[in-house]
Amino acid sequence: MQAMSQAATSYRIGSKVRVSRVRDRIPAKLVELLKKSDVGRVTGYKMTDGMGIGLVVELSDGTVSWFFDDEVTSA
């Protein structure tokens, strides 16, 4: 499954990314963390809605969250 996930996104596990925007409402704690540092590392992939691939990102404080592929850019 990992090979399929990697083909659906241009980011590989270990890639450094910047969260550039978010589509949905997110917890206030995550908003504050992203204001301090919006850079993290891709640690995995998540099937989003049966048609897309999300990126699991570990942020600077160790928090792990997932984002849609178009919500991140290379850092």
C-alpha atoms as a PDB file:
ATOM      1  CA  MET A   1       0.000   0.000   0.000  1.00  0.00           C
ATOM      2  CA  GLN A   2       2.862   2.394   0.673  1.00  0.00           C
ATOM      3  CA  ALA A   3       3.925   2.372  -2.994  1.00  0.00           C
ATOM      4  CA  MET A   4       0.402   3.368  -4.053  1.00  0.00           C
ATOM      5  CA  SER A   5       0.352   6.165  -1.449  1.00  0.00           C
ATOM      6  CA  GLN A   6       3.672   7.537  -2.585  1.00  0.00           C
ATOM      7  CA  ALA A   7       2.500   7.565  -6.193  1.00  0.00           C
ATOM      8  CA  ALA A   8      -0.552   9.665  -5.247  1.00  0.00           C
ATOM      9  CA  THR A   9       1.482  12.413  -3.566  1.00  0.00           C
ATOM     10  CA  SER A  10       4.736  14.153  -4.324  1.00  0.00           C
ATOM     11  CA  TYR A  11       5.877  13.984  -0.690  1.00  0.00           C
ATOM     12  CA  ARG A  12       7.829  11.023   0.647  1.00  0.00           C
ATOM     13  CA  ILE A  13       8.053   9.891   4.241  1.00  0.00           C
ATOM     14  CA  GLY A  14      10.706  12.028   5.912  1.00  0.00           C
ATOM     15  CA  SER A  15      10.042  15.063   3.684  1.00  0.00           C
ATOM     16  CA  LYS A  16      10.111  18.410   5.435  1.00  0.00           C
ATOM     17  CA  VAL A  17       6.875  20.306   4.735  1.00  0.00           C
ATOM     18  CA  ARG A  18       5.195  23.587   5.655  1.00  0.00           C
ATOM     19  CA  VAL A  19       1.482  23.662   6.444  1.00  0.00           C
ATOM     20  CA  SER A  20       0.309  26.488   4.198  1.00  0.00           C
ATOM     21  CA  ARG A  21      -3.423  26.357   4.900  1.00  0.00           C
ATOM     22  CA  VAL A  22      -6.141  24.137   6.330  1.00  0.00           C
ATOM     23  CA  ARG A  23      -9.569  23.439   4.841  1.00  0.00           C
ATOM     24  CA  ASP A  24     -11.562  22.415   7.865  1.00  0.00           C
ATOM     25  CA  ARG A  25     -11.924  23.724  11.355  1.00  0.00           C
ATOM     26  CA  ILE A  26      -9.119  22.468  13.552  1.00  0.00           C
ATOM     27  CA  PRO A  27      -8.652  22.558  17.330  1.00  0.00           C
ATOM     28  CA  ALA A  28      -7.478  25.874  18.800  1.00  0.00           C
ATOM     29  CA  LYS A  29      -4.377  24.170  20.227  1.00  0.00           C
ATOM     30  CA  LEU A  30      -3.312  23.091  16.716  1.00  0.00           C
ATOM     31  CA  VAL A  31      -3.964  26.601  15.342  1.00  0.00           C
ATOM     32  CA  GLU A  32      -1.681  28.084  18.019  1.00  0.00           C
ATOM     33  CA  LEU A  33       1.034  25.503  17.304  1.00  0.00           C
ATOM     34  CA  LEU A  34       0.917  26.235  13.562  1.00  0.00           C
ATOM     35  CA  LYS A  35       1.211  29.979  14.272  1.00  0.00           C
ATOM     36  CA  LYS A  36       4.448  29.289  16.192  1.00  0.00           C
ATOM     37  CA  SER A  37       5.891  26.795  13.712  1.00  0.00           C
ATOM     38  CA  ASP A  38       4.174  25.526  10.592  1.00  0.00           C
ATOM     39  CA  VAL A  39       6.992  23.150   9.583  1.00  0.00           C
ATOM     40  CA  GLY A  40       6.976  19.403  10.152  1.00  0.00           C
ATOM     41  CA  ARG A  41       8.026  16.051   8.700  1.00  0.00           C
ATOM     42  CA  VAL A  42       5.868  13.577   6.792  1.00  0.00           C
ATOM     43  CA  THR A  43       5.605  10.372   8.821  1.00  0.00           C
ATOM     44  CA  GLY A  44       2.912   8.539   6.869  1.00  0.00           C
ATOM     45  CA  TYR A  45      -0.143   8.648   4.643  1.00  0.00           C
ATOM     46  CA  LYS A  46      -3.898   8.587   5.275  1.00  0.00           C
ATOM     47  CA  MET A  47      -6.729   7.698   2.906  1.00  0.00           C
ATOM     48  CA  THR A  48      -8.916  10.795   3.051  1.00  0.00           C
ATOM     49  CA  ASP A  49     -12.241  10.075   1.365  1.00  0.00           C
ATOM     50  CA  GLY A  50     -11.672   7.019  -0.753  1.00  0.00           C
ATOM     51  CA  MET A  51     -10.253   9.142  -3.563  1.00  0.00           C
ATOM     52  CA  GLY A  52      -7.383  11.104  -2.050  1.00  0.00           C
ATOM     53  CA  ILE A  53      -4.291  10.717   0.081  1.00  0.00           C
ATOM     54  CA  GLY A  54      -3.562  12.850   3.123  1.00  0.00           C
ATOM     55  CA  LEU A  55      -0.189  13.335   4.740  1.00  0.00           C
ATOM     56  CA  VAL A  56       0.477  12.463   8.368  1.00  0.00           C
ATOM     57  CA  VAL A  57       2.809  15.187   9.653  1.00  0.00           C
ATOM     58  CA  GLU A  58       4.771  15.358  12.900  1.00  0.00           C
ATOM     59  CA  LEU A  59       5.049  18.982  14.011  1.00  0.00           C
ATOM     60  CA  SER A  60       7.825  20.651  16.024  1.00  0.00           C
ATOM     61  CA  ASP A  61       6.413  19.728  19.452  1.00  0.00           C
ATOM     62  CA  GLY A  62       5.832  16.082  18.483  1.00  0.00           C
ATOM     63  CA  THR A  63       2.127  16.557  17.752  1.00  0.00           C
ATOM     64  CA  VAL A  64       0.983  14.336  14.896  1.00  0.00           C
ATOM     65  CA  SER A  65      -1.852  15.459  12.625  1.00  0.00           C
ATOM     66  CA  TRP A  66      -2.874  14.839   9.037  1.00  0.00           C
ATOM     67  CA  PHE A  67      -3.367  17.339   6.227  1.00  0.00           C
ATOM     68  CA  PHE A  68      -4.607  17.178   2.659  1.00  0.00           C
ATOM     69  CA  ASP A  69      -1.832  17.098   0.044  1.00  0.00           C
ATOM     70  CA  ASP A  70      -2.752  20.611  -1.150  1.00  0.00           C
ATOM     71  CA  GLU A  71      -2.497  22.047   2.377  1.00  0.00           C
ATOM     72  CA  VAL A  72       1.276  21.599   2.528  1.00  0.00           C
ATOM     73  CA  THR A  73       4.251  22.813   0.543  1.00  0.00           C
ATOM     74  CA  SER A  74       7.913  21.813   0.561  1.00  0.00           C
ATOM     75  CA  ALA A  75       9.828  23.508   3.358  1.00  0.00           C
END
